[in-house]
């Protein structure tokens, strides 16, 4: 595995950690959930995200790594749909497609 591929993997893992952290924060404000537990989970996940992203920055240009982090929007939307049963509108699906296209274009020559 090359260092660039490892960098991509670390950034993608960091966006997944961020997605779960965002969902945990949302769960912390829902009526039937324990606030402190979900906030604690979110904090741990944000720390994991920062560590993964920092590792990725050792392997990738910051402009490439930062562009890939926009995939976090996609991750959060999909997790919100899956875990929280939130609706994703057609316009948001179009935005997700544009984000994925943009990530692909920016990282094509990394």
PDB file of N, CA and C in Angstrom:
ATOM      1  N   UNK A   1       0.857  -1.187   0.000  1.00  0.00           N
ATOM      2  CA  UNK A   1       0.000   0.000   0.000  1.00  0.00           C
ATOM      3  C   UNK A   1       0.897   1.242   0.000  1.00  0.00           C
ATOM      4  N   UNK A   2       0.650   2.125  -0.939  1.00  0.00           N
ATOM      5  CA  UNK A   2       1.459   3.335  -1.021  1.00  0.00           C
ATOM      6  C   UNK A   2       1.028   4.325   0.054  1.00  0.00           C
ATOM      7  N   UNK A   3       1.885   5.311   0.290  1.00  0.00           N
ATOM      8  CA  UNK A   3       1.573   6.301   1.328  1.00  0.00           C
ATOM      9  C   UNK A   3       0.361   7.148   0.949  1.00  0.00           C
ATOM     10  N   UNK A   4       0.165   7.396  -0.333  1.00  0.00           N
ATOM     11  CA  UNK A   4      -0.997   8.184  -0.767  1.00  0.00           C
ATOM     12  C   UNK A   4      -2.292   7.408  -0.502  1.00  0.00           C
ATOM     13  N   UNK A   5      -2.295   6.127  -0.804  1.00  0.00           N
ATOM     14  CA  UNK A   5      -3.478   5.301  -0.568  1.00  0.00           C
ATOM     15  C   UNK A   5      -3.772   5.232   0.932  1.00  0.00           C
ATOM     16  N   UNK A   6      -2.719   5.081   1.738  1.00  0.00           N
ATOM     17  CA  UNK A   6      -2.902   5.063   3.185  1.00  0.00           C
ATOM     18  C   UNK A   6      -3.447   6.407   3.673  1.00  0.00           C
ATOM     19  N   UNK A   7      -2.944   7.497   3.102  1.00  0.00           N
ATOM     20  CA  UNK A   7      -3.459   8.822   3.453  1.00  0.00           C
ATOM     21  C   UNK A   7      -4.932   8.970   3.127  1.00  0.00           C
ATOM     22  N   UNK A   8      -5.332   8.503   1.944  1.00  0.00           N
ATOM     23  CA  UNK A   8      -6.747   8.526   1.563  1.00  0.00           C
ATOM     24  C   UNK A   8      -7.581   7.723   2.565  1.00  0.00           C
ATOM     25  N   UNK A   9      -7.092   6.535   2.899  1.00  0.00           N
ATOM     26  CA  UNK A   9      -7.827   5.674   3.832  1.00  0.00           C
ATOM     27  C   UNK A   9      -7.980   6.350   5.194  1.00  0.00           C
ATOM     28  N   UNK A  10      -6.925   7.001   5.668  1.00  0.00           N
ATOM     29  CA  UNK A  10      -6.999   7.676   6.966  1.00  0.00           C
ATOM     30  C   UNK A  10      -7.994   8.831   6.938  1.00  0.00           C
ATOM     31  N   UNK A  11      -8.007   9.593   5.847  1.00  0.00           N
ATOM     32  CA  UNK A  11      -8.968  10.698   5.756  1.00  0.00           C
ATOM     33  C   UNK A  11     -10.389  10.156   5.699  1.00  0.00           C
ATOM     34  N   UNK A  12     -10.607   9.113   4.937  1.00  0.00           N
ATOM     35  CA  UNK A  12     -11.951   8.534   4.853  1.00  0.00           C
ATOM     36  C   UNK A  12     -12.397   7.973   6.198  1.00  0.00           C
ATOM     37  N   UNK A  13     -11.494   7.314   6.909  1.00  0.00           N
ATOM     38  CA  UNK A  13     -11.832   6.828   8.248  1.00  0.00           C
ATOM     39  C   UNK A  13     -12.145   7.984   9.200  1.00  0.00           C
ATOM     40  N   UNK A  14     -11.404   9.084   9.046  1.00  0.00           N
ATOM     41  CA  UNK A  14     -11.675  10.237   9.915  1.00  0.00           C
ATOM     42  C   UNK A  14     -13.055  10.824   9.617  1.00  0.00           C
ATOM     43  N   UNK A  15     -13.474  10.800   8.360  1.00  0.00           N
ATOM     44  CA  UNK A  15     -14.803  11.326   8.040  1.00  0.00           C
ATOM     45  C   UNK A  15     -15.897  10.401   8.573  1.00  0.00           C
ATOM     46  N   UNK A  16     -15.640   9.106   8.594  1.00  0.00           N
ATOM     47  CA  UNK A  16     -16.610   8.174   9.173  1.00  0.00           C
ATOM     48  C   UNK A  16     -16.710   8.407  10.687  1.00  0.00           C
ATOM     49  N   UNK A  17     -15.568   8.599  11.340  1.00  0.00           N
ATOM     50  CA  UNK A  17     -15.577   8.900  12.780  1.00  0.00           C
ATOM     51  C   UNK A  17     -16.336  10.192  13.043  1.00  0.00           C
ATOM     52  N   UNK A  18     -16.123  11.196  12.191  1.00  0.00           N
ATOM     53  CA  UNK A  18     -16.848  12.455  12.344  1.00  0.00           C
ATOM     54  C   UNK A  18     -18.348  12.252  12.153  1.00  0.00           C
ATOM     55  N   UNK A  19     -18.713  11.449  11.180  1.00  0.00           N
ATOM     56  CA  UNK A  19     -20.130  11.180  10.939  1.00  0.00           C
ATOM     57  C   UNK A  19     -20.806  10.561  12.150  1.00  0.00           C
ATOM     58  N   UNK A  20     -20.159   9.555  12.735  1.00  0.00           N
ATOM     59  CA  UNK A  20     -20.722   8.937  13.931  1.00  0.00           C
ATOM     60  C   UNK A  20     -20.735   9.913  15.104  1.00  0.00           C
ATOM     61  N   UNK A  21     -19.734  10.782  15.184  1.00  0.00           N
ATOM     62  CA  UNK A  21     -19.718  11.792  16.249  1.00  0.00           C
ATOM     63  C   UNK A  21     -20.891  12.754  16.095  1.00  0.00           C
ATOM     64  N   UNK A  22     -21.163  13.185  14.870  1.00  0.00           N
ATOM     65  CA  UNK A  22     -22.285  14.093  14.631  1.00  0.00           C
ATOM     66  C   UNK A  22     -23.617  13.435  14.982  1.00  0.00           C
ATOM     67  N   UNK A  23     -23.773  12.170  14.615  1.00  0.00           N
ATOM     68  CA  UNK A  23     -25.003  11.447  14.947  1.00  0.00           C
ATOM     69  C   UNK A  23     -25.118  11.295  16.462  1.00  0.00           C
ATOM     70  N   UNK A  24     -24.004  11.055  17.140  1.00  0.00           N
ATOM     71  CA  UNK A  24     -24.021  10.942  18.603  1.00  0.00           C
ATOM     72  C   UNK A  24     -24.459  12.250  19.250  1.00  0.00           C
ATOM     73  N   UNK A  25     -23.981  13.370  18.715  1.00  0.00           N
ATOM     74  CA  UNK A  25     -24.417  14.660  19.255  1.00  0.00           C
ATOM     75  C   UNK A  25     -25.912  14.852  19.060  1.00  0.00           C
ATOM     76  N   UNK A  26     -26.415  14.462  17.908  1.00  0.00           N
ATOM     77  CA  UNK A  26     -27.851  14.563  17.659  1.00  0.00           C
ATOM     78  C   UNK A  26     -28.625  13.691  18.644  1.00  0.00           C
ATOM     79  N   UNK A  27     -28.135  12.467  18.888  1.00  0.00           N
ATOM     80  CA  UNK A  27     -28.806  11.577  19.822  1.00  0.00           C
ATOM     81  C   UNK A  27     -28.787  12.153  21.241  1.00  0.00           C
ATOM     82  N   UNK A  28     -27.779  12.958  21.562  1.00  0.00           N
ATOM     83  CA  UNK A  28     -27.687  13.529  22.916  1.00  0.00           C
ATOM     84  C   UNK A  28     -28.800  14.530  23.202  1.00  0.00           C
ATOM     85  N   UNK A  29     -29.424  15.074  22.172  1.00  0.00           N
ATOM     86  CA  UNK A  29     -30.493  16.052  22.388  1.00  0.00           C
ATOM     87  C   UNK A  29     -31.887  15.465  22.175  1.00  0.00           C
ATOM     88  N   UNK A  30     -31.961  14.204  21.803  1.00  0.00           N
ATOM     89  CA  UNK A  30     -33.257  13.565  21.639  1.00  0.00           C
ATOM     90  C   UNK A  30     -33.822  13.189  23.012  1.00  0.00           C
ATOM     91  N   UNK A  31     -35.126  13.271  23.189  1.00  0.00           N
ATOM     92  CA  UNK A  31     -35.747  13.110  24.512  1.00  0.00           C
ATOM     93  C   UNK A  31     -35.456  11.795  25.240  1.00  0.00           C
ATOM     94  N   UNK A  32     -35.411  10.692  24.540  1.00  0.00           N
ATOM     95  CA  UNK A  32     -35.306   9.400  25.210  1.00  0.00           C
ATOM     96  C   UNK A  32     -33.866   8.912  25.376  1.00  0.00           C
ATOM     97  N   UNK A  33     -32.889   9.764  25.198  1.00  0.00           N
ATOM     98  CA  UNK A  33     -31.497   9.334  25.268  1.00  0.00           C
ATOM     99  C   UNK A  33     -30.756  10.037  26.396  1.00  0.00           C
ATOM    100  N   UNK A  34     -29.747   9.353  26.920  1.00  0.00           N
ATOM    101  CA  UNK A  34     -28.930   9.901  27.989  1.00  0.00           C
ATOM    102  C   UNK A  34     -27.932  10.893  27.398  1.00  0.00           C
ATOM    103  N   UNK A  35     -28.086  12.143  27.788  1.00  0.00           N
ATOM    104  CA  UNK A  35     -27.280  13.226  27.219  1.00  0.00           C
ATOM    105  C   UNK A  35     -25.785  13.022  27.442  1.00  0.00           C
ATOM    106  N   UNK A  36     -25.359  12.781  28.663  1.00  0.00           N
ATOM    107  CA  UNK A  36     -23.928  12.688  28.980  1.00  0.00           C
ATOM    108  C   UNK A  36     -23.263  11.536  28.235  1.00  0.00           C
ATOM    109  N   UNK A  37     -23.950  10.416  28.124  1.00  0.00           N
ATOM    110  CA  UNK A  37     -23.385   9.258  27.423  1.00  0.00           C
ATOM    111  C   UNK A  37     -23.077   9.594  25.971  1.00  0.00           C
ATOM    112  N   UNK A  38     -24.065  10.151  25.263  1.00  0.00           N
ATOM    113  CA  UNK A  38     -23.886  10.432  23.840  1.00  0.00           C
ATOM    114  C   UNK A  38     -22.889  11.556  23.598  1.00  0.00           C
ATOM    115  N   UNK A  39     -22.836  12.531  24.483  1.00  0.00           N
ATOM    116  CA  UNK A  39     -21.826  13.593  24.345  1.00  0.00           C
ATOM    117  C   UNK A  39     -20.438  13.004  24.556  1.00  0.00           C
ATOM    118  N   UNK A  40     -20.306  12.108  25.530  1.00  0.00           N
ATOM    119  CA  UNK A  40     -19.014  11.447  25.762  1.00  0.00           C
ATOM    120  C   UNK A  40     -18.565  10.650  24.554  1.00  0.00           C
ATOM    121  N   UNK A  41     -19.492   9.904  23.958  1.00  0.00           N
ATOM    122  CA  UNK A  41     -19.171   9.146  22.741  1.00  0.00           C
ATOM    123  C   UNK A  41     -18.716  10.095  21.635  1.00  0.00           C
ATOM    124  N   UNK A  42     -19.418  11.208  21.476  1.00  0.00           N
ATOM    125  CA  UNK A  42     -19.072  12.179  20.425  1.00  0.00           C
ATOM    126  C   UNK A  42     -17.681  12.754  20.644  1.00  0.00           C
ATOM    127  N   UNK A  43     -17.352  13.097  21.869  1.00  0.00           N
ATOM    128  CA  UNK A  43     -16.028  13.663  22.161  1.00  0.00           C
ATOM    129  C   UNK A  43     -14.933  12.655  21.821  1.00  0.00           C
ATOM    130  N   UNK A  44     -15.124  11.412  22.234  1.00  0.00           N
ATOM    131  CA  UNK A  44     -14.137  10.372  21.917  1.00  0.00           C
ATOM    132  C   UNK A  44     -13.979  10.232  20.402  1.00  0.00           C
ATOM    133  N   UNK A  45     -15.081  10.225  19.692  1.00  0.00           N
ATOM    134  CA  UNK A  45     -15.015  10.089  18.234  1.00  0.00           C
ATOM    135  C   UNK A  45     -14.357  11.297  17.574  1.00  0.00           C
ATOM    136  N   UNK A  46     -14.591  12.486  18.089  1.00  0.00           N
ATOM    137  CA  UNK A  46     -13.919  13.667  17.530  1.00  0.00           C
ATOM    138  C   UNK A  46     -12.415  13.600  17.763  1.00  0.00           C
ATOM    139  N   UNK A  47     -11.981  13.066  18.903  1.00  0.00           N
ATOM    140  CA  UNK A  47     -10.542  12.895  19.164  1.00  0.00           C
ATOM    141  C   UNK A  47      -9.961  11.869  18.195  1.00  0.00           C
ATOM    142  N   UNK A  48     -10.670  10.775  17.992  1.00  0.00           N
ATOM    143  CA  UNK A  48     -10.220   9.758  17.027  1.00  0.00           C
ATOM    144  C   UNK A  48     -10.123  10.371  15.634  1.00  0.00           C
ATOM    145  N   UNK A  49     -11.115  11.164  15.280  1.00  0.00           N
ATOM    146  CA  UNK A  49     -11.092  11.832  13.970  1.00  0.00           C
ATOM    147  C   UNK A  49      -9.862  12.698  13.824  1.00  0.00           C
ATOM    148  N   UNK A  50      -9.550  13.493  14.842  1.00  0.00           N
ATOM    149  CA  UNK A  50      -8.388  14.390  14.783  1.00  0.00           C
ATOM    150  C   UNK A  50      -7.089  13.605  14.653  1.00  0.00           C
ATOM    151  N   UNK A  51      -6.982  12.500  15.360  1.00  0.00           N
ATOM    152  CA  UNK A  51      -5.768  11.680  15.272  1.00  0.00           C
ATOM    153  C   UNK A  51      -5.613  11.059  13.889  1.00  0.00           C
ATOM    154  N   UNK A  52      -6.712  10.531  13.345  1.00  0.00           N
ATOM    155  CA  UNK A  52      -6.666   9.950  11.999  1.00  0.00           C
ATOM    156  C   UNK A  52      -6.318  10.999  10.950  1.00  0.00           C
ATOM    157  N   UNK A  53      -6.937  12.172  11.064  1.00  0.00           N
ATOM    158  CA  UNK A  53      -6.689  13.234  10.089  1.00  0.00           C
ATOM    159  C   UNK A  53      -5.248  13.733  10.192  1.00  0.00           C
ATOM    160  N   UNK A  54      -4.739  13.836  11.406  1.00  0.00           N
ATOM    161  CA  UNK A  54      -3.348  14.254  11.583  1.00  0.00           C
ATOM    162  C   UNK A  54      -2.393  13.258  10.942  1.00  0.00           C
ATOM    163  N   UNK A  55      -2.708  11.976  11.089  1.00  0.00           N
ATOM    164  CA  UNK A  55      -1.886  10.960  10.429  1.00  0.00           C
ATOM    165  C   UNK A  55      -1.952  11.078   8.915  1.00  0.00           C
ATOM    166  N   UNK A  56      -3.120  11.394   8.399  1.00  0.00           N
ATOM    167  CA  UNK A  56      -3.277  11.554   6.950  1.00  0.00           C
ATOM    168  C   UNK A  56      -2.476  12.744   6.440  1.00  0.00           C
ATOM    169  N   UNK A  57      -2.410  13.806   7.240  1.00  0.00           N
ATOM    170  CA  UNK A  57      -1.672  14.995   6.806  1.00  0.00           C
ATOM    171  C   UNK A  57      -0.179  14.726   6.670  1.00  0.00           C
ATOM    172  N   UNK A  58       0.318  13.716   7.338  1.00  0.00           N
ATOM    173  CA  UNK A  58       1.727  13.342   7.176  1.00  0.00           C
ATOM    174  C   UNK A  58       1.971  12.730   5.802  1.00  0.00           C
ATOM    175  N   UNK A  59       0.911  12.226   5.177  1.00  0.00           N
ATOM    176  CA  UNK A  59       1.051  11.481   3.929  1.00  0.00           C
ATOM    177  C   UNK A  59       0.504  12.211   2.702  1.00  0.00           C
ATOM    178  N   UNK A  60      -0.364  13.193   2.907  1.00  0.00           N
ATOM    179  CA  UNK A  60      -1.018  13.887   1.797  1.00  0.00           C
ATOM    180  C   UNK A  60      -0.789  15.387   1.889  1.00  0.00           C
ATOM    181  N   UNK A  61      -0.899  16.056   0.754  1.00  0.00           N
ATOM    182  CA  UNK A  61      -0.937  17.515   0.762  1.00  0.00           C
ATOM    183  C   UNK A  61      -2.201  17.955   1.475  1.00  0.00           C
ATOM    184  N   UNK A  62      -2.104  19.033   2.224  1.00  0.00           N
ATOM    185  CA  UNK A  62      -3.261  19.496   2.988  1.00  0.00           C
ATOM    186  C   UNK A  62      -4.426  19.864   2.065  1.00  0.00           C
ATOM    187  N   UNK A  63      -4.141  20.376   0.883  1.00  0.00           N
ATOM    188  CA  UNK A  63      -5.225  20.745  -0.034  1.00  0.00           C
ATOM    189  C   UNK A  63      -5.999  19.519  -0.506  1.00  0.00           C
ATOM    190  N   UNK A  64      -5.327  18.407  -0.657  1.00  0.00           N
ATOM    191  CA  UNK A  64      -6.001  17.170  -1.053  1.00  0.00           C
ATOM    192  C   UNK A  64      -6.764  16.584   0.131  1.00  0.00           C
ATOM    193  N   UNK A  65      -6.105  16.518   1.283  1.00  0.00           N
ATOM    194  CA  UNK A  65      -6.751  15.950   2.475  1.00  0.00           C
ATOM    195  C   UNK A  65      -8.000  16.743   2.848  1.00  0.00           C
ATOM    196  N   UNK A  66      -7.905  18.053   2.795  1.00  0.00           N
ATOM    197  CA  UNK A  66      -9.049  18.879   3.169  1.00  0.00           C
ATOM    198  C   UNK A  66     -10.208  18.694   2.188  1.00  0.00           C
ATOM    199  N   UNK A  67      -9.885  18.546   0.910  1.00  0.00           N
ATOM    200  CA  UNK A  67     -10.939  18.315  -0.087  1.00  0.00           C
ATOM    201  C   UNK A  67     -11.665  16.999   0.189  1.00  0.00           C
ATOM    202  N   UNK A  68     -10.926  15.989   0.600  1.00  0.00           N
ATOM    203  CA  UNK A  68     -11.542  14.694   0.880  1.00  0.00           C
ATOM    204  C   UNK A  68     -12.449  14.780   2.105  1.00  0.00           C
ATOM    205  N   UNK A  69     -12.150  15.685   3.026  1.00  0.00           N
ATOM    206  CA  UNK A  69     -12.987  15.794   4.227  1.00  0.00           C
ATOM    207  C   UNK A  69     -14.404  16.243   3.893  1.00  0.00           C
ATOM    208  N   UNK A  70     -14.615  16.811   2.723  1.00  0.00           N
ATOM    209  CA  UNK A  70     -15.979  17.172   2.342  1.00  0.00           C
ATOM    210  C   UNK A  70     -16.840  15.916   2.192  1.00  0.00           C
ATOM    211  N   UNK A  71     -16.198  14.770   2.074  1.00  0.00           N
ATOM    212  CA  UNK A  71     -16.925  13.502   2.066  1.00  0.00           C
ATOM    213  C   UNK A  71     -17.662  13.305   3.391  1.00  0.00           C
ATOM    214  N   UNK A  72     -17.247  14.037   4.427  1.00  0.00           N
ATOM    215  CA  UNK A  72     -17.930  13.980   5.718  1.00  0.00           C
ATOM    216  C   UNK A  72     -19.395  14.369   5.611  1.00  0.00           C
ATOM    217  N   UNK A  73     -19.705  15.299   4.728  1.00  0.00           N
ATOM    218  CA  UNK A  73     -21.098  15.703   4.520  1.00  0.00           C
ATOM    219  C   UNK A  73     -21.911  14.514   4.022  1.00  0.00           C
ATOM    220  N   UNK A  74     -21.323  13.743   3.137  1.00  0.00           N
ATOM    221  CA  UNK A  74     -21.978  12.556   2.603  1.00  0.00           C
ATOM    222  C   UNK A  74     -22.167  11.523   3.716  1.00  0.00           C
ATOM    223  N   UNK A  75     -21.118  11.315   4.486  1.00  0.00           N
ATOM    224  CA  UNK A  75     -21.168  10.345   5.582  1.00  0.00           C
ATOM    225  C   UNK A  75     -22.249  10.709   6.587  1.00  0.00           C
ATOM    226  N   UNK A  76     -22.299  11.980   6.980  1.00  0.00           N
ATOM    227  CA  UNK A  76     -23.296  12.421   7.955  1.00  0.00           C
ATOM    228  C   UNK A  76     -24.707  12.230   7.395  1.00  0.00           C
ATOM    229  N   UNK A  77     -24.910  12.580   6.146  1.00  0.00           N
ATOM    230  CA  UNK A  77     -26.240  12.423   5.543  1.00  0.00           C
ATOM    231  C   UNK A  77     -26.664  10.955   5.528  1.00  0.00           C
ATOM    232  N   UNK A  78     -25.758  10.075   5.122  1.00  0.00           N
ATOM    233  CA  UNK A  78     -26.102   8.655   5.058  1.00  0.00           C
ATOM    234  C   UNK A  78     -26.324   8.060   6.449  1.00  0.00           C
ATOM    235  N   UNK A  79     -25.496   8.449   7.412  1.00  0.00           N
ATOM    236  CA  UNK A  79     -25.689   7.963   8.778  1.00  0.00           C
ATOM    237  C   UNK A  79     -26.972   8.512   9.394  1.00  0.00           C
ATOM    238  N   UNK A  80     -27.290   9.761   9.110  1.00  0.00           N
ATOM    239  CA  UNK A  80     -28.533  10.339   9.617  1.00  0.00           C
ATOM    240  C   UNK A  80     -29.729   9.582   9.043  1.00  0.00           C
ATOM    241  N   UNK A  81     -29.635   9.203   7.804  1.00  0.00           N
ATOM    242  CA  UNK A  81     -30.699   8.415   7.167  1.00  0.00           C
ATOM    243  C   UNK A  81     -30.807   7.045   7.811  1.00  0.00           C
ATOM    244  N   UNK A  82     -29.656   6.397   8.018  1.00  0.00           N
ATOM    245  CA  UNK A  82     -29.613   5.026   8.509  1.00  0.00           C
ATOM    246  C   UNK A  82     -29.930   4.938  10.013  1.00  0.00           C
ATOM    247  N   UNK A  83     -29.277   5.774  10.814  1.00  0.00           N
ATOM    248  CA  UNK A  83     -29.401   5.678  12.269  1.00  0.00           C
ATOM    249  C   UNK A  83     -30.594   6.467  12.801  1.00  0.00           C
ATOM    250  N   UNK A  84     -30.770   7.683  12.300  1.00  0.00           N
ATOM    251  CA  UNK A  84     -31.809   8.570  12.839  1.00  0.00           C
ATOM    252  C   UNK A  84     -33.097   8.560  12.028  1.00  0.00           C
ATOM    253  N   UNK A  85     -33.082   7.865  10.907  1.00  0.00           N
ATOM    254  CA  UNK A  85     -34.247   7.783  10.027  1.00  0.00           C
ATOM    255  C   UNK A  85     -34.664   9.151   9.471  1.00  0.00           C
ATOM    256  N   UNK A  86     -33.670  10.013   9.253  1.00  0.00           N
ATOM    257  CA  UNK A  86     -33.972  11.323   8.662  1.00  0.00           C
ATOM    258  C   UNK A  86     -34.172  11.160   7.159  1.00  0.00           C
ATOM    259  N   UNK A  87     -34.982  12.027   6.610  1.00  0.00           N
ATOM    260  CA  UNK A  87     -35.267  12.006   5.183  1.00  0.00           C
ATOM    261  C   UNK A  87     -34.179  12.786   4.441  1.00  0.00           C
ATOM    262  N   UNK A  88     -33.776  12.278   3.288  1.00  0.00           N
ATOM    263  CA  UNK A  88     -32.830  12.985   2.423  1.00  0.00           C
ATOM    264  C   UNK A  88     -33.597  13.400   1.181  1.00  0.00           C
ATOM    265  N   UNK A  89     -33.711  14.691   0.979  1.00  0.00           N
ATOM    266  CA  UNK A  89     -34.482  15.213  -0.147  1.00  0.00           C
ATOM    267  C   UNK A  89     -33.731  14.991  -1.463  1.00  0.00           C
ATOM    268  N   UNK A  90     -34.441  15.035  -2.578  1.00  0.00           N
ATOM    269  CA  UNK A  90     -33.774  14.909  -3.874  1.00  0.00           C
ATOM    270  C   UNK A  90     -32.691  15.978  -4.089  1.00  0.00           C
ATOM    271  N   UNK A  91     -32.935  17.189  -3.598  1.00  0.00           N
ATOM    272  CA  UNK A  91     -31.936  18.248  -3.746  1.00  0.00           C
ATOM    273  C   UNK A  91     -30.663  17.904  -2.968  1.00  0.00           C
ATOM    274  N   UNK A  92     -30.838  17.318  -1.775  1.00  0.00           N
ATOM    275  CA  UNK A  92     -29.665  16.927  -0.983  1.00  0.00           C
ATOM    276  C   UNK A  92     -28.923  15.785  -1.673  1.00  0.00           C
ATOM    277  N   UNK A  93     -29.660  14.841  -2.290  1.00  0.00           N
ATOM    278  CA  UNK A  93     -28.996  13.781  -3.053  1.00  0.00           C
ATOM    279  C   UNK A  93     -28.169  14.381  -4.198  1.00  0.00           C
ATOM    280  N   UNK A  94     -28.722  15.402  -4.845  1.00  0.00           N
ATOM    281  CA  UNK A  94     -27.973  16.077  -5.919  1.00  0.00           C
ATOM    282  C   UNK A  94     -26.704  16.710  -5.360  1.00  0.00           C
ATOM    283  N   UNK A  95     -26.809  17.341  -4.197  1.00  0.00           N
ATOM    284  CA  UNK A  95     -25.634  17.927  -3.557  1.00  0.00           C
ATOM    285  C   UNK A  95     -24.593  16.877  -3.206  1.00  0.00           C
ATOM    286  N   UNK A  96     -25.049  15.737  -2.716  1.00  0.00           N
ATOM    287  CA  UNK A  96     -24.133  14.638  -2.391  1.00  0.00           C
ATOM    288  C   UNK A  96     -23.405  14.173  -3.644  1.00  0.00           C
ATOM    289  N   UNK A  97     -24.127  14.059  -4.745  1.00  0.00           N
ATOM    290  CA  UNK A  97     -23.495  13.667  -6.006  1.00  0.00           C
ATOM    291  C   UNK A  97     -22.446  14.685  -6.444  1.00  0.00           C
ATOM    292  N   UNK A  98     -22.759  15.972  -6.297  1.00  0.00           N
ATOM    293  CA  UNK A  98     -21.785  17.011  -6.651  1.00  0.00           C
ATOM    294  C   UNK A  98     -20.543  16.955  -5.750  1.00  0.00           C
ATOM    295  N   UNK A  99     -20.743  16.696  -4.466  1.00  0.00           N
ATOM    296  CA  UNK A  99     -19.606  16.579  -3.546  1.00  0.00           C
ATOM    297  C   UNK A  99     -18.718  15.411  -3.952  1.00  0.00           C
ATOM    298  N   UNK A 100     -19.329  14.274  -4.244  1.00  0.00           N
ATOM    299  CA  UNK A 100     -18.547  13.113  -4.661  1.00  0.00           C
ATOM    300  C   UNK A 100     -17.791  13.384  -5.956  1.00  0.00           C
ATOM    301  N   UNK A 101     -18.435  14.067  -6.886  1.00  0.00           N
ATOM    302  CA  UNK A 101     -17.769  14.428  -8.145  1.00  0.00           C
ATOM    303  C   UNK A 101     -16.587  15.362  -7.876  1.00  0.00           C
ATOM    304  N   UNK A 102     -16.817  16.353  -7.040  1.00  0.00           N
ATOM    305  CA  UNK A 102     -15.733  17.295  -6.703  1.00  0.00           C
ATOM    306  C   UNK A 102     -14.577  16.617  -6.017  1.00  0.00           C
ATOM    307  N   UNK A 103     -14.847  15.722  -5.087  1.00  0.00           N
ATOM    308  CA  UNK A 103     -13.774  14.969  -4.419  1.00  0.00           C
ATOM    309  C   UNK A 103     -12.975  14.162  -5.433  1.00  0.00           C
ATOM    310  N   UNK A 104     -13.686  13.544  -6.341  1.00  0.00           N
ATOM    311  CA  UNK A 104     -13.000  12.762  -7.368  1.00  0.00           C
ATOM    312  C   UNK A 104     -12.090  13.615  -8.232  1.00  0.00           C
ATOM    313  N   UNK A 105     -12.573  14.795  -8.626  1.00  0.00           N
ATOM    314  CA  UNK A 105     -11.772  15.685  -9.470  1.00  0.00           C
ATOM    315  C   UNK A 105     -10.541  16.204  -8.728  1.00  0.00           C
ATOM    316  N   UNK A 106     -10.708  16.586  -7.478  1.00  0.00           N
ATOM    317  CA  UNK A 106      -9.590  17.156  -6.711  1.00  0.00           C
ATOM    318  C   UNK A 106      -8.529  16.111  -6.431  1.00  0.00           C
ATOM    319  N   UNK A 107      -8.954  14.882  -6.172  1.00  0.00           N
ATOM    320  CA  UNK A 107      -7.986  13.850  -5.792  1.00  0.00           C
ATOM    321  C   UNK A 107      -7.453  13.042  -6.965  1.00  0.00           C
ATOM    322  N   UNK A 108      -7.926  13.333  -8.154  1.00  0.00           N
ATOM    323  CA  UNK A 108      -7.535  12.532  -9.310  1.00  0.00           C
ATOM    324  C   UNK A 108      -6.026  12.465  -9.525  1.00  0.00           C
ATOM    325  N   UNK A 109      -5.328  13.542  -9.319  1.00  0.00           N
ATOM    326  CA  UNK A 109      -3.877  13.553  -9.576  1.00  0.00           C
ATOM    327  C   UNK A 109      -3.060  13.666  -8.284  1.00  0.00           C
ATOM    328  N   UNK A 110      -3.631  13.212  -7.199  1.00  0.00           N
ATOM    329  CA  UNK A 110      -2.897  13.270  -5.920  1.00  0.00           C
ATOM    330  C   UNK A 110      -1.854  12.227  -5.951  1.00  0.00           C
TER     331      UNK A 110
END
